[in-house]
Amino acid sequence: MIDERKPRAKPILAIPKGRLLKEVAILFEESGIIHREELLQTRKLMFKLPEVDLVLLKSQDIVRLLTLGQVDAGIVGKDIIEESQLPVKELLDLNIGKCKLCLCGKNSLNDDTINVVCTSYPYITKKYLKSKGYNANIVTLDGSVEVAPLMEYADCIVELVDTGRTLMENGLSLYKEIMQVSARFIISSESDKELAGIKNIYDKLNQSISVVR
């Protein structure tokens, strides 16, 4: 992989848009990095701080740009790291964005009826199915995979589960848990944890989550 790293005045820290942003904003405020309102009550995508520049990106893009050297550190879920198969270092488990990646289906689902699995996580799903001896085809979707069993083009799904409400409202239930998921503070395998700015952010986050533990 070509490293297109360019020198810059301050390191860039990428944080995720979407479901994780609110929890990241709260953690950053508690860590004295930035007030949560500055992240949540605006459409800005870049924020210039004394130590780093923050950029809001989709989680999948954070890992890609990190390995290309376009950002210096990032925050993404463990599921994104595993699915990407890209070389990154996990520095901290931030203990936010907690959920589970699970095999789910209708209440009648059993091992003998797992023939087609719909998911947004084809790599993790393939690895899991192989480890458990399931001989199933995988259908990849980027949207609401919960509809697949309802439309009967898949027997079950592999999806993130938080409260389980979406499953319940669609007549589905958790069948087997695959992995626990939480947000991680990551750098590229080629990056230096001691990089000025990133080290300071790391220390602040580490101190803040250590108080909660």
C-alpha atoms as a PDB file:
ATOM      1  CA  MET A   1       0.000   0.000   0.000  1.00  0.00           C
ATOM      2  CA  ILE A   2       1.368   3.434  -0.959  1.00  0.00           C
ATOM      3  CA  ASP A   3       1.795   5.785   1.999  1.00  0.00           C
ATOM      4  CA  GLU A   4       0.789   9.252   0.803  1.00  0.00           C
ATOM      5  CA  ARG A   5       1.590  10.903   4.117  1.00  0.00           C
ATOM      6  CA  LYS A   6       2.185  14.648   3.813  1.00  0.00           C
ATOM      7  CA  PRO A   7       3.757  16.967   6.386  1.00  0.00           C
ATOM      8  CA  ARG A   8       1.262  19.284   8.082  1.00  0.00           C
ATOM      9  CA  ALA A   9       1.270  21.900  10.800  1.00  0.00           C
ATOM     10  CA  LYS A  10      -1.005  19.902  13.144  1.00  0.00           C
ATOM     11  CA  PRO A  11      -2.051  16.249  13.212  1.00  0.00           C
ATOM     12  CA  ILE A  12      -5.574  15.351  12.093  1.00  0.00           C
ATOM     13  CA  LEU A  13      -7.929  13.314  14.270  1.00  0.00           C
ATOM     14  CA  ALA A  14     -10.944  11.797  12.525  1.00  0.00           C
ATOM     15  CA  ILE A  15     -14.153  11.199  14.463  1.00  0.00           C
ATOM     16  CA  PRO A  16     -17.227   9.343  13.192  1.00  0.00           C
ATOM     17  CA  LYS A  17     -20.443  10.827  11.950  1.00  0.00           C
ATOM     18  CA  GLY A  18     -23.650   8.931  12.699  1.00  0.00           C
ATOM     19  CA  ARG A  19     -24.601   6.905  15.760  1.00  0.00           C
ATOM     20  CA  LEU A  20     -21.291   7.338  17.593  1.00  0.00           C
ATOM     21  CA  LEU A  21     -20.969  11.112  17.300  1.00  0.00           C
ATOM     22  CA  LYS A  22     -23.088  12.043  20.330  1.00  0.00           C
ATOM     23  CA  GLU A  23     -21.152   9.727  22.661  1.00  0.00           C
ATOM     24  CA  VAL A  24     -17.830  10.920  21.233  1.00  0.00           C
ATOM     25  CA  ALA A  25     -18.890  14.538  21.768  1.00  0.00           C
ATOM     26  CA  ILE A  26     -19.789  13.862  25.410  1.00  0.00           C
ATOM     27  CA  LEU A  27     -16.477  12.064  26.009  1.00  0.00           C
ATOM     28  CA  PHE A  28     -14.521  14.877  24.370  1.00  0.00           C
ATOM     29  CA  GLU A  29     -16.239  17.447  26.574  1.00  0.00           C
ATOM     30  CA  GLU A  30     -15.528  15.386  29.697  1.00  0.00           C
ATOM     31  CA  SER A  31     -11.891  15.129  28.574  1.00  0.00           C
ATOM     32  CA  GLY A  32     -11.574  18.893  28.099  1.00  0.00           C
ATOM     33  CA  ILE A  33     -11.009  18.642  24.345  1.00  0.00           C
ATOM     34  CA  ILE A  34     -14.033  20.469  22.901  1.00  0.00           C
ATOM     35  CA  HIS A  35     -17.559  21.361  24.053  1.00  0.00           C
ATOM     36  CA  ARG A  36     -20.118  18.878  22.831  1.00  0.00           C
ATOM     37  CA  GLU A  37     -22.342  21.605  21.323  1.00  0.00           C
ATOM     38  CA  GLU A  38     -19.571  22.603  18.941  1.00  0.00           C
ATOM     39  CA  LEU A  39     -19.717  19.128  17.409  1.00  0.00           C
ATOM     40  CA  LEU A  40     -23.444  18.449  17.644  1.00  0.00           C
ATOM     41  CA  GLN A  41     -25.086  21.775  16.794  1.00  0.00           C
ATOM     42  CA  THR A  42     -23.403  22.519  13.485  1.00  0.00           C
ATOM     43  CA  ARG A  43     -22.967  21.142   9.992  1.00  0.00           C
ATOM     44  CA  LYS A  44     -19.237  21.845  10.010  1.00  0.00           C
ATOM     45  CA  LEU A  45     -16.997  18.929   9.153  1.00  0.00           C
ATOM     46  CA  MET A  46     -13.655  20.367  10.313  1.00  0.00           C
ATOM     47  CA  PHE A  47     -12.702  21.946  13.629  1.00  0.00           C
ATOM     48  CA  LYS A  48      -9.364  23.600  14.361  1.00  0.00           C
ATOM     49  CA  LEU A  49      -8.224  23.005  17.932  1.00  0.00           C
ATOM     50  CA  PRO A  50      -4.952  24.109  19.578  1.00  0.00           C
ATOM     51  CA  GLU A  51      -3.425  20.612  19.445  1.00  0.00           C
ATOM     52  CA  VAL A  52      -5.120  18.909  16.501  1.00  0.00           C
ATOM     53  CA  ASP A  53      -7.562  19.458  13.672  1.00  0.00           C
ATOM     54  CA  LEU A  54     -10.753  17.399  13.976  1.00  0.00           C
ATOM     55  CA  VAL A  55     -12.554  16.073  10.911  1.00  0.00           C
ATOM     56  CA  LEU A  56     -15.914  14.275  10.808  1.00  0.00           C
ATOM     57  CA  LEU A  57     -16.009  11.280   8.465  1.00  0.00           C
ATOM     58  CA  LYS A  58     -17.916   8.067   7.903  1.00  0.00           C
ATOM     59  CA  SER A  59     -16.389   5.314  10.017  1.00  0.00           C
ATOM     60  CA  GLN A  60     -15.335   3.214   7.020  1.00  0.00           C
ATOM     61  CA  ASP A  61     -13.550   6.215   5.495  1.00  0.00           C
ATOM     62  CA  ILE A  62     -11.648   6.898   8.725  1.00  0.00           C
ATOM     63  CA  VAL A  63      -9.851   3.554   8.529  1.00  0.00           C
ATOM     64  CA  ARG A  64      -9.112   3.941   4.806  1.00  0.00           C
ATOM     65  CA  LEU A  65      -7.733   7.487   5.113  1.00  0.00           C
ATOM     66  CA  LEU A  66      -5.764   6.532   8.218  1.00  0.00           C
ATOM     67  CA  THR A  67      -3.882   3.806   6.359  1.00  0.00           C
ATOM     68  CA  LEU A  68      -3.251   6.227   3.476  1.00  0.00           C
ATOM     69  CA  GLY A  69      -1.728   8.781   5.859  1.00  0.00           C
ATOM     70  CA  GLN A  70      -4.393  11.411   5.246  1.00  0.00           C
ATOM     71  CA  VAL A  71      -5.357  11.446   8.935  1.00  0.00           C
ATOM     72  CA  ASP A  72      -3.148  10.648  11.922  1.00  0.00           C
ATOM     73  CA  ALA A  73      -5.599   9.054  14.342  1.00  0.00           C
ATOM     74  CA  GLY A  74      -9.259   8.127  14.476  1.00  0.00           C
ATOM     75  CA  ILE A  75     -12.163   6.813  16.493  1.00  0.00           C
ATOM     76  CA  VAL A  76     -14.157   3.893  15.064  1.00  0.00           C
ATOM     77  CA  GLY A  77     -16.067   0.860  16.265  1.00  0.00           C
ATOM     78  CA  LYS A  78     -14.367  -2.498  16.696  1.00  0.00           C
ATOM     79  CA  ASP A  79     -16.692  -3.884  14.007  1.00  0.00           C
ATOM     80  CA  ILE A  80     -15.324  -1.446  11.429  1.00  0.00           C
ATOM     81  CA  ILE A  81     -11.743  -2.348  12.315  1.00  0.00           C
ATOM     82  CA  GLU A  82     -12.378  -6.081  11.975  1.00  0.00           C
ATOM     83  CA  GLU A  83     -14.354  -5.745   8.761  1.00  0.00           C
ATOM     84  CA  SER A  84     -11.815  -3.454   7.066  1.00  0.00           C
ATOM     85  CA  GLN A  85      -8.879  -5.907   7.473  1.00  0.00           C
ATOM     86  CA  LEU A  86      -6.590  -2.864   7.285  1.00  0.00           C
ATOM     87  CA  PRO A  87      -3.441  -2.492   9.427  1.00  0.00           C
ATOM     88  CA  VAL A  88      -4.234  -0.236  12.391  1.00  0.00           C
ATOM     89  CA  LYS A  89      -3.196  -0.106  16.043  1.00  0.00           C
ATOM     90  CA  GLU A  90      -5.840   0.064  18.751  1.00  0.00           C
ATOM     91  CA  LEU A  91      -4.580   2.376  21.500  1.00  0.00           C
ATOM     92  CA  LEU A  92      -7.682   2.652  23.682  1.00  0.00           C
ATOM     93  CA  ASP A  93     -11.041   1.012  24.183  1.00  0.00           C
ATOM     94  CA  LEU A  94     -13.135   4.123  24.843  1.00  0.00           C
ATOM     95  CA  ASN A  95     -16.016   2.193  26.428  1.00  0.00           C
ATOM     96  CA  ILE A  96     -18.613   4.020  24.350  1.00  0.00           C
ATOM     97  CA  GLY A  97     -20.771   2.890  21.453  1.00  0.00           C
ATOM     98  CA  LYS A  98     -21.224  -0.464  23.133  1.00  0.00           C
ATOM     99  CA  CYS A  99     -23.313  -3.022  21.266  1.00  0.00           C
ATOM    100  CA  LYS A 100     -23.068  -6.556  19.863  1.00  0.00           C
ATOM    101  CA  LEU A 101     -22.672  -7.983  16.387  1.00  0.00           C
ATOM    102  CA  CYS A 102     -25.116 -10.870  16.208  1.00  0.00           C
ATOM    103  CA  LEU A 103     -26.662 -13.523  14.042  1.00  0.00           C
ATOM    104  CA  CYS A 104     -30.398 -12.789  14.068  1.00  0.00           C
ATOM    105  CA  GLY A 105     -33.544 -14.106  12.463  1.00  0.00           C
ATOM    106  CA  LYS A 106     -37.137 -15.122  12.961  1.00  0.00           C
ATOM    107  CA  ASN A 107     -38.008 -17.043  16.106  1.00  0.00           C
ATOM    108  CA  SER A 108     -38.151 -20.249  14.046  1.00  0.00           C
ATOM    109  CA  LEU A 109     -34.476 -19.919  13.034  1.00  0.00           C
ATOM    110  CA  ASN A 110     -32.241 -22.892  13.796  1.00  0.00           C
ATOM    111  CA  ASP A 111     -28.899 -24.239  12.600  1.00  0.00           C
ATOM    112  CA  ASP A 112     -30.531 -26.313   9.863  1.00  0.00           C
ATOM    113  CA  THR A 113     -32.285 -23.289   8.309  1.00  0.00           C
ATOM    114  CA  ILE A 114     -29.213 -21.038   7.959  1.00  0.00           C
ATOM    115  CA  ASN A 115     -28.654 -21.125   4.209  1.00  0.00           C
ATOM    116  CA  VAL A 116     -28.599 -17.452   3.158  1.00  0.00           C
ATOM    117  CA  VAL A 117     -27.290 -14.687   5.420  1.00  0.00           C
ATOM    118  CA  CYS A 118     -27.723 -10.975   4.705  1.00  0.00           C
ATOM    119  CA  THR A 119     -25.262  -8.496   6.217  1.00  0.00           C
ATOM    120  CA  SER A 120     -23.205  -5.319   5.913  1.00  0.00           C
ATOM    121  CA  TYR A 121     -20.258  -7.278   7.339  1.00  0.00           C
ATOM    122  CA  PRO A 122     -19.368  -9.911   4.718  1.00  0.00           C
ATOM    123  CA  TYR A 123     -15.812 -10.550   5.964  1.00  0.00           C
ATOM    124  CA  ILE A 124     -16.759 -11.012   9.636  1.00  0.00           C
ATOM    125  CA  THR A 125     -19.793 -13.062   8.629  1.00  0.00           C
ATOM    126  CA  LYS A 126     -17.815 -15.373   6.348  1.00  0.00           C
ATOM    127  CA  LYS A 127     -15.174 -15.897   9.038  1.00  0.00           C
ATOM    128  CA  TYR A 128     -17.803 -16.634  11.697  1.00  0.00           C
ATOM    129  CA  LEU A 129     -19.872 -18.993   9.550  1.00  0.00           C
ATOM    130  CA  LYS A 130     -16.764 -20.945   8.575  1.00  0.00           C
ATOM    131  CA  SER A 131     -15.639 -21.247  12.213  1.00  0.00           C
ATOM    132  CA  LYS A 132     -19.050 -22.650  13.191  1.00  0.00           C
ATOM    133  CA  GLY A 133     -19.333 -25.019  10.248  1.00  0.00           C
ATOM    134  CA  TYR A 134     -22.277 -23.291   8.552  1.00  0.00           C
ATOM    135  CA  ASN A 135     -22.460 -23.751   4.786  1.00  0.00           C
ATOM    136  CA  ALA A 136     -24.351 -20.598   3.854  1.00  0.00           C
ATOM    137  CA  ASN A 137     -24.344 -18.005   1.086  1.00  0.00           C
ATOM    138  CA  ILE A 138     -23.769 -14.355   2.042  1.00  0.00           C
ATOM    139  CA  VAL A 139     -25.742 -11.448   0.555  1.00  0.00           C
ATOM    140  CA  THR A 140     -24.169  -8.028   1.152  1.00  0.00           C
ATOM    141  CA  LEU A 141     -26.382  -4.972   1.699  1.00  0.00           C
ATOM    142  CA  ASP A 142     -25.413  -1.508   2.946  1.00  0.00           C
ATOM    143  CA  GLY A 143     -28.833  -0.523   4.255  1.00  0.00           C
ATOM    144  CA  SER A 144     -31.445  -1.989   6.575  1.00  0.00           C
ATOM    145  CA  VAL A 145     -30.650  -5.682   6.469  1.00  0.00           C
ATOM    146  CA  GLU A 146     -33.514  -6.471   8.863  1.00  0.00           C
ATOM    147  CA  VAL A 147     -35.884  -6.510   5.894  1.00  0.00           C
ATOM    148  CA  ALA A 148     -34.146  -9.529   4.310  1.00  0.00           C
ATOM    149  CA  PRO A 149     -35.838 -12.268   6.403  1.00  0.00           C
ATOM    150  CA  LEU A 150     -39.170 -10.455   6.113  1.00  0.00           C
ATOM    151  CA  MET A 151     -38.952 -10.496   2.313  1.00  0.00           C
ATOM    152  CA  GLU A 152     -37.660 -14.071   2.506  1.00  0.00           C
ATOM    153  CA  TYR A 153     -34.572 -13.571   0.374  1.00  0.00           C
ATOM    154  CA  ALA A 154     -32.383 -14.434   3.381  1.00  0.00           C
ATOM    155  CA  ASP A 155     -32.888 -16.780   6.307  1.00  0.00           C
ATOM    156  CA  CYS A 156     -31.113 -14.544   8.788  1.00  0.00           C
ATOM    157  CA  ILE A 157     -28.891 -11.496   9.171  1.00  0.00           C
ATOM    158  CA  VAL A 158     -25.654 -10.474  10.857  1.00  0.00           C
ATOM    159  CA  GLU A 159     -26.136  -7.014  12.300  1.00  0.00           C
ATOM    160  CA  LEU A 160     -25.325  -4.725  15.217  1.00  0.00           C
ATOM    161  CA  VAL A 161     -27.720  -5.055  18.133  1.00  0.00           C
ATOM    162  CA  ASP A 162     -28.051  -2.394  20.835  1.00  0.00           C
ATOM    163  CA  THR A 163     -31.395  -2.481  22.629  1.00  0.00           C
ATOM    164  CA  GLY A 164     -32.912  -5.081  20.288  1.00  0.00           C
ATOM    165  CA  ARG A 165     -35.938  -2.873  19.650  1.00  0.00           C
ATOM    166  CA  THR A 166     -35.523  -2.848  15.849  1.00  0.00           C
ATOM    167  CA  LEU A 167     -35.335  -6.638  15.821  1.00  0.00           C
ATOM    168  CA  MET A 168     -38.419  -6.995  18.001  1.00  0.00           C
ATOM    169  CA  GLU A 169     -40.504  -4.545  15.969  1.00  0.00           C
ATOM    170  CA  ASN A 170     -39.679  -6.540  12.831  1.00  0.00           C
ATOM    171  CA  GLY A 171     -40.469  -9.945  14.324  1.00  0.00           C
ATOM    172  CA  LEU A 172     -36.815 -10.937  14.657  1.00  0.00           C
ATOM    173  CA  SER A 173     -34.709 -12.051  17.585  1.00  0.00           C
ATOM    174  CA  LEU A 174     -31.055 -12.536  18.499  1.00  0.00           C
ATOM    175  CA  TYR A 175     -29.904 -16.071  17.691  1.00  0.00           C
ATOM    176  CA  LYS A 176     -26.164 -16.022  18.441  1.00  0.00           C
ATOM    177  CA  GLU A 177     -23.705 -13.331  19.510  1.00  0.00           C
ATOM    178  CA  ILE A 178     -20.610 -13.003  17.315  1.00  0.00           C
ATOM    179  CA  MET A 179     -18.617 -10.235  19.007  1.00  0.00           C
ATOM    180  CA  GLN A 180     -18.794  -7.368  21.476  1.00  0.00           C
ATOM    181  CA  VAL A 181     -18.333  -3.942  19.911  1.00  0.00           C
ATOM    182  CA  SER A 182     -17.179  -0.599  21.322  1.00  0.00           C
ATOM    183  CA  ALA A 183     -15.389   2.484  19.987  1.00  0.00           C
ATOM    184  CA  ARG A 184     -11.600   2.401  19.782  1.00  0.00           C
ATOM    185  CA  PHE A 185      -8.949   5.126  19.486  1.00  0.00           C
ATOM    186  CA  ILE A 186      -6.717   4.009  16.617  1.00  0.00           C
ATOM    187  CA  ILE A 187      -3.649   4.989  14.640  1.00  0.00           C
ATOM    188  CA  SER A 188      -2.101   3.506  11.536  1.00  0.00           C
ATOM    189  CA  SER A 189       0.366   0.669  12.001  1.00  0.00           C
ATOM    190  CA  GLU A 190       2.915   3.101  10.508  1.00  0.00           C
ATOM    191  CA  SER A 191       2.003   5.991  12.833  1.00  0.00           C
ATOM    192  CA  ASP A 192       3.749   7.164  15.970  1.00  0.00           C
ATOM    193  CA  LYS A 193       1.705   7.241  19.167  1.00  0.00           C
ATOM    194  CA  GLU A 194       4.060   9.947  20.471  1.00  0.00           C
ATOM    195  CA  LEU A 195       3.123  12.366  17.669  1.00  0.00           C
ATOM    196  CA  ALA A 196       2.636  15.787  19.265  1.00  0.00           C
ATOM    197  CA  GLY A 197      -1.043  16.577  19.630  1.00  0.00           C
ATOM    198  CA  ILE A 198      -2.214  12.988  19.215  1.00  0.00           C
ATOM    199  CA  LYS A 199      -0.312  11.987  22.360  1.00  0.00           C
ATOM    200  CA  ASN A 200      -1.999  14.813  24.293  1.00  0.00           C
ATOM    201  CA  ILE A 201      -5.467  13.786  23.069  1.00  0.00           C
ATOM    202  CA  TYR A 202      -4.679  10.163  23.910  1.00  0.00           C
ATOM    203  CA  ASP A 203      -3.622  11.135  27.445  1.00  0.00           C
ATOM    204  CA  LYS A 204      -6.770  13.196  28.009  1.00  0.00           C
ATOM    205  CA  LEU A 205      -9.063  10.408  26.790  1.00  0.00           C
ATOM    206  CA  ASN A 206      -7.186   7.776  28.763  1.00  0.00           C
ATOM    207  CA  GLN A 207      -7.439   9.811  31.952  1.00  0.00           C
ATOM    208  CA  SER A 208     -11.146  10.465  31.409  1.00  0.00           C
ATOM    209  CA  ILE A 209     -12.133   6.829  30.791  1.00  0.00           C
ATOM    210  CA  SER A 210      -9.881   5.664  33.638  1.00  0.00           C
ATOM    211  CA  VAL A 211     -11.971   7.737  36.067  1.00  0.00           C
ATOM    212  CA  VAL A 212     -15.141   5.981  34.894  1.00  0.00           C
ATOM    213  CA  ARG A 213     -13.719   2.436  35.163  1.00  0.00           C
END
